[in-house]
Amino acid sequence: MSVRPIVLLGDPRLRLRGEPVESFGRFLHNLLDDLTHTMRHAPGVGLAAPQIGEGLAACVVEVEDRLFELVNPKIVRAEGDDRDLEGCLSIPGYAAYVTRREKVWVVAQDRRGRRIKVAGSGLLGRAFQHELDHLQGKLYIDYLDSMDELISVRAHADDDEDDGTAAEGDGEAAGVLAPALG
């Protein structure tokens, strides 16, 4: 298990579509372990294989100490809408308000190839959608009408450190409510 470099915006590998996984052996197990270790080290709540340069349909999500390893995942049902701040480990220092489905149901395979079903709402549902988007070469910024909608979360954190006060009206942008998804 190792921490791997995270592919950043501008690198064409970030737009790779994850190819279906057909072999559930040592390579996949090592990939899932590396994804988990890299995600936790970042830290984030999710990471997809294309974000570490691997063009495979595999990702990990961890919310409230529950780890989900999803191989060949597909959203099979969704309901409601939810608009919230979202960030990405491949676009560090920025977040934006993105509308996603409130609750999603996902069918996938585990590391051994067994079929699993999971459901998530709130942050977990958002993370599932974010990571599955990565597997299609899609980023959260693709949902924005303009890059002007991006909020610099790094600048707000620096403001807080410099003078000891929070930026007025931008408490959410300080990073607490904008988790770094994959």
C-alpha atoms as a PDB file:
ATOM      1  CA  MET A   1       0.000   0.000   0.000  1.00  0.00           C
ATOM      2  CA  SER A   2       1.430   3.368  -1.002  1.00  0.00           C
ATOM      3  CA  VAL A   3       0.482   7.003  -1.392  1.00  0.00           C
ATOM      4  CA  ARG A   4       0.361   7.763  -5.104  1.00  0.00           C
ATOM      5  CA  PRO A   5       0.504  11.213  -6.747  1.00  0.00           C
ATOM      6  CA  ILE A   6      -2.939  12.672  -7.449  1.00  0.00           C
ATOM      7  CA  VAL A   7      -3.488  13.787 -11.043  1.00  0.00           C
ATOM      8  CA  LEU A   8      -4.374  17.501 -11.171  1.00  0.00           C
ATOM      9  CA  LEU A   9      -6.625  19.535 -13.441  1.00  0.00           C
ATOM     10  CA  GLY A  10      -4.968  19.988 -16.826  1.00  0.00           C
ATOM     11  CA  ASP A  11      -3.521  16.483 -16.950  1.00  0.00           C
ATOM     12  CA  PRO A  12      -5.364  14.563 -19.720  1.00  0.00           C
ATOM     13  CA  ARG A  13      -5.417  11.395 -17.570  1.00  0.00           C
ATOM     14  CA  LEU A  14      -8.012  13.105 -15.370  1.00  0.00           C
ATOM     15  CA  ARG A  15     -10.474  12.871 -18.267  1.00  0.00           C
ATOM     16  CA  LEU A  16      -9.921   9.137 -18.773  1.00  0.00           C
ATOM     17  CA  ARG A  17     -13.012   6.947 -18.705  1.00  0.00           C
ATOM     18  CA  GLY A  18     -12.582   4.027 -16.391  1.00  0.00           C
ATOM     19  CA  GLU A  19     -12.543   0.796 -18.380  1.00  0.00           C
ATOM     20  CA  PRO A  20     -14.493  -2.102 -16.870  1.00  0.00           C
ATOM     21  CA  VAL A  21     -12.501  -4.231 -14.466  1.00  0.00           C
ATOM     22  CA  GLU A  22     -12.418  -7.865 -15.548  1.00  0.00           C
ATOM     23  CA  SER A  23      -9.700  -9.289 -13.287  1.00  0.00           C
ATOM     24  CA  PHE A  24     -10.203  -9.261  -9.523  1.00  0.00           C
ATOM     25  CA  GLY A  25      -6.724 -10.301  -8.444  1.00  0.00           C
ATOM     26  CA  ARG A  26      -3.648  -8.784  -6.883  1.00  0.00           C
ATOM     27  CA  PHE A  27      -3.396  -5.769  -9.230  1.00  0.00           C
ATOM     28  CA  LEU A  28      -6.938  -4.618  -8.354  1.00  0.00           C
ATOM     29  CA  HIS A  29      -6.416  -5.274  -4.635  1.00  0.00           C
ATOM     30  CA  ASN A  30      -3.220  -3.193  -4.672  1.00  0.00           C
ATOM     31  CA  LEU A  31      -4.996  -0.449  -6.637  1.00  0.00           C
ATOM     32  CA  LEU A  32      -7.870  -0.290  -4.120  1.00  0.00           C
ATOM     33  CA  ASP A  33      -5.387  -0.252  -1.223  1.00  0.00           C
ATOM     34  CA  ASP A  34      -3.405   2.568  -2.893  1.00  0.00           C
ATOM     35  CA  LEU A  35      -6.595   4.532  -3.552  1.00  0.00           C
ATOM     36  CA  THR A  36      -7.608   4.235   0.101  1.00  0.00           C
ATOM     37  CA  HIS A  37      -4.172   5.140   1.438  1.00  0.00           C
ATOM     38  CA  THR A  38      -3.821   8.099  -0.964  1.00  0.00           C
ATOM     39  CA  MET A  39      -7.356   9.362  -0.160  1.00  0.00           C
ATOM     40  CA  ARG A  40      -6.735   9.232   3.593  1.00  0.00           C
ATOM     41  CA  HIS A  41      -3.329  10.888   3.251  1.00  0.00           C
ATOM     42  CA  ALA A  42      -4.707  13.781   1.144  1.00  0.00           C
ATOM     43  CA  PRO A  43      -7.137  13.856   3.153  1.00  0.00           C
ATOM     44  CA  GLY A  44     -10.377  13.390   1.267  1.00  0.00           C
ATOM     45  CA  VAL A  45     -13.587  11.373   1.332  1.00  0.00           C
ATOM     46  CA  GLY A  46     -13.216   9.685  -2.058  1.00  0.00           C
ATOM     47  CA  LEU A  47     -10.798   8.924  -4.859  1.00  0.00           C
ATOM     48  CA  ALA A  48     -11.225   7.340  -8.291  1.00  0.00           C
ATOM     49  CA  ALA A  49      -8.644   5.333 -10.240  1.00  0.00           C
ATOM     50  CA  PRO A  50      -8.273   7.954 -13.034  1.00  0.00           C
ATOM     51  CA  GLN A  51      -7.192  10.443 -10.341  1.00  0.00           C
ATOM     52  CA  ILE A  52      -4.032   8.401  -9.837  1.00  0.00           C
ATOM     53  CA  GLY A  53      -3.578   7.813 -13.554  1.00  0.00           C
ATOM     54  CA  GLU A  54      -5.264   4.394 -13.792  1.00  0.00           C
ATOM     55  CA  GLY A  55      -7.976   4.115 -16.451  1.00  0.00           C
ATOM     56  CA  LEU A  56     -10.091   1.566 -14.588  1.00  0.00           C
ATOM     57  CA  ALA A  57     -13.651   1.696 -13.217  1.00  0.00           C
ATOM     58  CA  ALA A  58     -12.727   1.570  -9.544  1.00  0.00           C
ATOM     59  CA  CYS A  59     -13.058   4.067  -6.719  1.00  0.00           C
ATOM     60  CA  VAL A  60     -13.167   4.345  -2.955  1.00  0.00           C
ATOM     61  CA  VAL A  61     -15.395   6.480  -0.713  1.00  0.00           C
ATOM     62  CA  GLU A  62     -15.091   6.856   3.052  1.00  0.00           C
ATOM     63  CA  VAL A  63     -17.668   8.742   5.093  1.00  0.00           C
ATOM     64  CA  GLU A  64     -18.076   8.477   8.864  1.00  0.00           C
ATOM     65  CA  ASP A  65     -15.358   5.787   9.066  1.00  0.00           C
ATOM     66  CA  ARG A  66     -17.199   3.512   6.626  1.00  0.00           C
ATOM     67  CA  LEU A  67     -15.103   2.555   3.596  1.00  0.00           C
ATOM     68  CA  PHE A  68     -16.752   1.628   0.307  1.00  0.00           C
ATOM     69  CA  GLU A  69     -14.672  -0.011  -2.437  1.00  0.00           C
ATOM     70  CA  LEU A  70     -16.641   0.207  -5.678  1.00  0.00           C
ATOM     71  CA  VAL A  71     -15.599  -1.661  -8.811  1.00  0.00           C
ATOM     72  CA  ASN A  72     -17.573  -1.237 -12.050  1.00  0.00           C
ATOM     73  CA  PRO A  73     -20.163   0.915 -10.227  1.00  0.00           C
ATOM     74  CA  LYS A  74     -23.379   2.250 -11.727  1.00  0.00           C
ATOM     75  CA  ILE A  75     -26.080   4.478 -10.282  1.00  0.00           C
ATOM     76  CA  VAL A  76     -29.337   2.561 -10.711  1.00  0.00           C
ATOM     77  CA  ARG A  77     -31.720   4.938  -8.960  1.00  0.00           C
ATOM     78  CA  ALA A  78     -31.703   8.520  -7.713  1.00  0.00           C
ATOM     79  CA  GLU A  79     -34.168  10.907  -6.124  1.00  0.00           C
ATOM     80  CA  GLY A  80     -34.400  14.478  -4.913  1.00  0.00           C
ATOM     81  CA  ASP A  81     -31.991  17.329  -5.444  1.00  0.00           C
ATOM     82  CA  ASP A  82     -29.362  18.786  -3.137  1.00  0.00           C
ATOM     83  CA  ARG A  83     -27.179  21.863  -3.690  1.00  0.00           C
ATOM     84  CA  ASP A  84     -24.038  22.115  -1.604  1.00  0.00           C
ATOM     85  CA  LEU A  85     -20.363  23.033  -1.682  1.00  0.00           C
ATOM     86  CA  GLU A  86     -18.119  20.482  -3.306  1.00  0.00           C
ATOM     87  CA  GLY A  87     -14.371  20.237  -3.714  1.00  0.00           C
ATOM     88  CA  CYS A  88     -11.999  17.812  -5.414  1.00  0.00           C
ATOM     89  CA  LEU A  89      -8.520  16.515  -4.629  1.00  0.00           C
ATOM     90  CA  SER A  90      -7.618  17.040  -8.297  1.00  0.00           C
ATOM     91  CA  ILE A  91      -8.590  20.729  -8.094  1.00  0.00           C
ATOM     92  CA  PRO A  92      -7.014  21.742  -4.770  1.00  0.00           C
ATOM     93  CA  GLY A  93      -7.864  25.034  -3.145  1.00  0.00           C
ATOM     94  CA  TYR A  94     -11.277  25.483  -4.776  1.00  0.00           C
ATOM     95  CA  ALA A  95     -14.913  24.562  -4.163  1.00  0.00           C
ATOM     96  CA  ALA A  96     -18.233  25.425  -5.765  1.00  0.00           C
ATOM     97  CA  TYR A  97     -21.922  24.925  -5.194  1.00  0.00           C
ATOM     98  CA  VAL A  98     -23.072  21.931  -7.246  1.00  0.00           C
ATOM     99  CA  THR A  99     -26.563  20.463  -7.523  1.00  0.00           C
ATOM    100  CA  ARG A 100     -26.640  16.694  -7.317  1.00  0.00           C
ATOM    101  CA  ARG A 101     -29.246  14.081  -6.463  1.00  0.00           C
ATOM    102  CA  GLU A 102     -30.094  13.880  -2.758  1.00  0.00           C
ATOM    103  CA  LYS A 103     -30.070  10.070  -2.588  1.00  0.00           C
ATOM    104  CA  VAL A 104     -28.568   7.495  -4.931  1.00  0.00           C
ATOM    105  CA  TRP A 105     -28.523   3.713  -5.140  1.00  0.00           C
ATOM    106  CA  VAL A 106     -25.395   2.135  -6.591  1.00  0.00           C
ATOM    107  CA  VAL A 107     -24.750  -1.378  -7.862  1.00  0.00           C
ATOM    108  CA  ALA A 108     -21.078  -2.388  -8.059  1.00  0.00           C
ATOM    109  CA  GLN A 109     -18.677  -5.204  -7.410  1.00  0.00           C
ATOM    110  CA  ASP A 110     -16.367  -5.578  -4.455  1.00  0.00           C
ATOM    111  CA  ARG A 111     -12.651  -6.410  -4.652  1.00  0.00           C
ATOM    112  CA  ARG A 112     -13.482 -10.094  -5.098  1.00  0.00           C
ATOM    113  CA  GLY A 113     -15.978  -9.490  -7.916  1.00  0.00           C
ATOM    114  CA  ARG A 114     -19.095 -10.076  -5.831  1.00  0.00           C
ATOM    115  CA  ARG A 115     -22.113  -7.899  -6.641  1.00  0.00           C
ATOM    116  CA  ILE A 116     -22.935  -5.306  -3.978  1.00  0.00           C
ATOM    117  CA  LYS A 117     -25.664  -2.705  -3.577  1.00  0.00           C
ATOM    118  CA  VAL A 118     -25.195   0.494  -1.596  1.00  0.00           C
ATOM    119  CA  ALA A 119     -27.272   3.604  -1.057  1.00  0.00           C
ATOM    120  CA  GLY A 120     -26.263   7.020   0.166  1.00  0.00           C
ATOM    121  CA  SER A 121     -27.712  10.431   0.877  1.00  0.00           C
ATOM    122  CA  GLY A 122     -26.157  13.684   2.010  1.00  0.00           C
ATOM    123  CA  LEU A 123     -22.360  13.646   1.877  1.00  0.00           C
ATOM    124  CA  LEU A 124     -22.217   9.919   1.115  1.00  0.00           C
ATOM    125  CA  GLY A 125     -24.601  10.253  -1.842  1.00  0.00           C
ATOM    126  CA  ARG A 126     -22.689  13.289  -3.104  1.00  0.00           C
ATOM    127  CA  ALA A 127     -19.385  11.417  -2.824  1.00  0.00           C
ATOM    128  CA  PHE A 128     -20.751   8.407  -4.734  1.00  0.00           C
ATOM    129  CA  GLN A 129     -21.889  10.692  -7.564  1.00  0.00           C
ATOM    130  CA  HIS A 130     -18.632  12.662  -7.581  1.00  0.00           C
ATOM    131  CA  GLU A 131     -16.469   9.532  -7.811  1.00  0.00           C
ATOM    132  CA  LEU A 132     -18.654   7.856 -10.424  1.00  0.00           C
ATOM    133  CA  ASP A 133     -18.397  11.055 -12.488  1.00  0.00           C
ATOM    134  CA  HIS A 134     -14.596  10.691 -12.369  1.00  0.00           C
ATOM    135  CA  LEU A 135     -14.996   7.223 -13.856  1.00  0.00           C
ATOM    136  CA  GLN A 136     -16.709   8.888 -16.841  1.00  0.00           C
ATOM    137  CA  GLY A 137     -14.017  11.564 -17.202  1.00  0.00           C
ATOM    138  CA  LYS A 138     -16.318  14.194 -15.715  1.00  0.00           C
ATOM    139  CA  LEU A 139     -15.416  16.776 -13.046  1.00  0.00           C
ATOM    140  CA  TYR A 140     -17.612  18.831 -10.740  1.00  0.00           C
ATOM    141  CA  ILE A 141     -16.544  21.976 -12.581  1.00  0.00           C
ATOM    142  CA  ASP A 142     -18.325  20.599 -15.664  1.00  0.00           C
ATOM    143  CA  TYR A 143     -21.609  21.370 -13.861  1.00  0.00           C
ATOM    144  CA  LEU A 144     -20.743  25.060 -13.470  1.00  0.00           C
ATOM    145  CA  ASP A 145     -22.014  27.734 -15.845  1.00  0.00           C
ATOM    146  CA  SER A 146     -18.795  29.684 -15.368  1.00  0.00           C
ATOM    147  CA  MET A 147     -15.437  29.172 -13.676  1.00  0.00           C
ATOM    148  CA  ASP A 148     -16.293  32.413 -11.828  1.00  0.00           C
ATOM    149  CA  GLU A 149     -18.482  30.197  -9.603  1.00  0.00           C
ATOM    150  CA  LEU A 150     -15.364  28.635  -8.075  1.00  0.00           C
ATOM    151  CA  ILE A 151     -14.622  29.738  -4.516  1.00  0.00           C
ATOM    152  CA  SER A 152     -10.994  29.886  -3.420  1.00  0.00           C
ATOM    153  CA  VAL A 153     -10.968  28.008  -0.128  1.00  0.00           C
ATOM    154  CA  ARG A 154      -7.216  28.310   0.289  1.00  0.00           C
ATOM    155  CA  ALA A 155      -7.414  32.116   0.278  1.00  0.00           C
ATOM    156  CA  HIS A 156     -10.023  32.098   3.038  1.00  0.00           C
ATOM    157  CA  ALA A 157      -7.977  29.723   5.164  1.00  0.00           C
ATOM    158  CA  ASP A 158      -4.922  31.982   4.681  1.00  0.00           C
ATOM    159  CA  ASP A 159      -7.008  35.027   5.692  1.00  0.00           C
ATOM    160  CA  ASP A 160      -7.996  33.268   8.915  1.00  0.00           C
ATOM    161  CA  GLU A 161      -4.374  32.461   9.770  1.00  0.00           C
ATOM    162  CA  ASP A 162      -3.048  35.935   8.943  1.00  0.00           C
ATOM    163  CA  ASP A 163      -5.248  38.025  11.194  1.00  0.00           C
ATOM    164  CA  GLY A 164      -6.969  35.478  13.432  1.00  0.00           C
ATOM    165  CA  THR A 165     -10.454  36.283  12.140  1.00  0.00           C
ATOM    166  CA  ALA A 166     -12.730  34.464   9.745  1.00  0.00           C
ATOM    167  CA  ALA A 167     -13.622  36.076   6.449  1.00  0.00           C
ATOM    168  CA  GLU A 168     -17.058  37.585   7.005  1.00  0.00           C
ATOM    169  CA  GLY A 169     -19.883  35.843   5.208  1.00  0.00           C
ATOM    170  CA  ASP A 170     -17.586  33.116   3.873  1.00  0.00           C
ATOM    171  CA  GLY A 171     -17.415  30.689   6.785  1.00  0.00           C
ATOM    172  CA  GLU A 172     -18.583  27.810   4.599  1.00  0.00           C
ATOM    173  CA  ALA A 173     -15.811  28.437   2.108  1.00  0.00           C
ATOM    174  CA  ALA A 174     -13.145  27.965   4.779  1.00  0.00           C
ATOM    175  CA  GLY A 175     -13.230  24.249   4.019  1.00  0.00           C
ATOM    176  CA  VAL A 176     -15.342  22.857   6.840  1.00  0.00           C
ATOM    177  CA  LEU A 177     -18.419  22.350   4.673  1.00  0.00           C
ATOM    178  CA  ALA A 178     -16.594  21.766   1.399  1.00  0.00           C
ATOM    179  CA  PRO A 179     -15.041  18.340   1.803  1.00  0.00           C
ATOM    180  CA  ALA A 180     -12.442  17.336  -0.718  1.00  0.00           C
ATOM    181  CA  LEU A 181     -14.165  14.574  -2.572  1.00  0.00           C
ATOM    182  CA  GLY A 182     -12.190  12.664  -5.125  1.00  0.00           C
END
